[in-house]
């Protein structure tokens, strides 16, 4: 069975691929899903995610917030 950490890392990798291909709609759709409060409560899982992917998510969330205005 795949752990939550591995699933989250795979999603972060996919976000990075979407960004590289300039597929921003898909990228922000995935980020929006990861930003849901039920996913954010998985504190132990988020702590195990490498910093490289955490930074991508944080920067993308800020960009997503700014684009809405």
C-alpha atoms as a PDB file:
ATOM      1  CA  UNK A   1       0.000   0.000   0.000  1.00  0.00           C
ATOM      2  CA  UNK A   2       1.258   3.459  -0.862  1.00  0.00           C
ATOM      3  CA  UNK A   3       1.762   5.797   2.077  1.00  0.00           C
ATOM      4  CA  UNK A   4       0.224   9.264   2.309  1.00  0.00           C
ATOM      5  CA  UNK A   5       3.707  10.754   2.035  1.00  0.00           C
ATOM      6  CA  UNK A   6       4.360   8.983  -1.269  1.00  0.00           C
ATOM      7  CA  UNK A   7       0.975  10.050  -2.652  1.00  0.00           C
ATOM      8  CA  UNK A   8       1.632  13.669  -1.705  1.00  0.00           C
ATOM      9  CA  UNK A   9       5.123  13.600  -3.228  1.00  0.00           C
ATOM     10  CA  UNK A  10       3.677  12.187  -6.454  1.00  0.00           C
ATOM     11  CA  UNK A  11       1.124  15.016  -6.573  1.00  0.00           C
ATOM     12  CA  UNK A  12       3.834  17.602  -5.939  1.00  0.00           C
ATOM     13  CA  UNK A  13       5.902  16.099  -8.753  1.00  0.00           C
ATOM     14  CA  UNK A  14       2.873  16.317 -11.042  1.00  0.00           C
ATOM     15  CA  UNK A  15       2.377  19.970 -10.050  1.00  0.00           C
ATOM     16  CA  UNK A  16       5.978  20.647 -11.009  1.00  0.00           C
ATOM     17  CA  UNK A  17       5.457  18.918 -14.381  1.00  0.00           C
ATOM     18  CA  UNK A  18       2.329  20.982 -15.025  1.00  0.00           C
ATOM     19  CA  UNK A  19       4.271  24.145 -14.234  1.00  0.00           C
ATOM     20  CA  UNK A  20       7.075  23.165 -16.622  1.00  0.00           C
ATOM     21  CA  UNK A  21       4.544  22.462 -19.393  1.00  0.00           C
ATOM     22  CA  UNK A  22       2.776  25.752 -18.592  1.00  0.00           C
ATOM     23  CA  UNK A  23      -0.436  23.864 -17.820  1.00  0.00           C
ATOM     24  CA  UNK A  24      -1.492  26.290 -15.110  1.00  0.00           C
ATOM     25  CA  UNK A  25      -5.152  25.255 -14.998  1.00  0.00           C
ATOM     26  CA  UNK A  26      -4.273  21.715 -13.945  1.00  0.00           C
ATOM     27  CA  UNK A  27      -1.546  22.948 -11.630  1.00  0.00           C
ATOM     28  CA  UNK A  28      -3.880  25.264  -9.740  1.00  0.00           C
ATOM     29  CA  UNK A  29      -6.645  22.636  -9.645  1.00  0.00           C
ATOM     30  CA  UNK A  30      -4.295  20.219  -7.873  1.00  0.00           C
ATOM     31  CA  UNK A  31      -3.036  22.939  -5.544  1.00  0.00           C
ATOM     32  CA  UNK A  32      -6.602  23.893  -4.662  1.00  0.00           C
ATOM     33  CA  UNK A  33      -7.320  20.293  -3.749  1.00  0.00           C
ATOM     34  CA  UNK A  34      -4.205  20.079  -1.577  1.00  0.00           C
ATOM     35  CA  UNK A  35      -5.152  23.336   0.094  1.00  0.00           C
ATOM     36  CA  UNK A  36      -8.405  21.830   1.394  1.00  0.00           C
ATOM     37  CA  UNK A  37      -8.540  21.793   5.193  1.00  0.00           C
ATOM     38  CA  UNK A  38      -8.931  18.019   5.415  1.00  0.00           C
ATOM     39  CA  UNK A  39      -5.643  17.577   3.545  1.00  0.00           C
ATOM     40  CA  UNK A  40      -3.918  20.338   5.498  1.00  0.00           C
ATOM     41  CA  UNK A  41      -4.750  18.528   8.764  1.00  0.00           C
ATOM     42  CA  UNK A  42      -2.400  15.696   7.771  1.00  0.00           C
ATOM     43  CA  UNK A  43       0.413  17.374   9.687  1.00  0.00           C
ATOM     44  CA  UNK A  44       2.541  14.221  10.067  1.00  0.00           C
ATOM     45  CA  UNK A  45       2.381  13.641   6.313  1.00  0.00           C
ATOM     46  CA  UNK A  46       3.300  17.233   5.466  1.00  0.00           C
ATOM     47  CA  UNK A  47       6.300  17.032   7.815  1.00  0.00           C
ATOM     48  CA  UNK A  48       7.718  14.107   5.815  1.00  0.00           C
ATOM     49  CA  UNK A  49       7.463  15.847   2.444  1.00  0.00           C
ATOM     50  CA  UNK A  50      10.835  17.136   1.151  1.00  0.00           C
ATOM     51  CA  UNK A  51      11.350  20.907   1.367  1.00  0.00           C
ATOM     52  CA  UNK A  52      11.697  21.118  -2.420  1.00  0.00           C
ATOM     53  CA  UNK A  53       8.016  20.225  -2.817  1.00  0.00           C
ATOM     54  CA  UNK A  54       6.808  22.226   0.164  1.00  0.00           C
ATOM     55  CA  UNK A  55       8.326  25.376  -1.319  1.00  0.00           C
ATOM     56  CA  UNK A  56       6.653  24.693  -4.659  1.00  0.00           C
ATOM     57  CA  UNK A  57       3.285  24.376  -2.961  1.00  0.00           C
ATOM     58  CA  UNK A  58       3.749  27.531  -0.857  1.00  0.00           C
ATOM     59  CA  UNK A  59       4.880  29.665  -3.795  1.00  0.00           C
ATOM     60  CA  UNK A  60       2.113  28.333  -6.017  1.00  0.00           C
ATOM     61  CA  UNK A  61      -0.495  29.059  -3.342  1.00  0.00           C
ATOM     62  CA  UNK A  62       0.668  32.657  -3.147  1.00  0.00           C
ATOM     63  CA  UNK A  63       0.544  32.986  -6.927  1.00  0.00           C
ATOM     64  CA  UNK A  64      -2.918  31.418  -6.972  1.00  0.00           C
ATOM     65  CA  UNK A  65      -4.130  33.895  -4.375  1.00  0.00           C
ATOM     66  CA  UNK A  66      -2.719  36.868  -6.314  1.00  0.00           C
ATOM     67  CA  UNK A  67      -4.196  35.704  -9.635  1.00  0.00           C
ATOM     68  CA  UNK A  68      -7.711  35.724  -8.170  1.00  0.00           C
ATOM     69  CA  UNK A  69      -7.552  39.488  -7.760  1.00  0.00           C
END
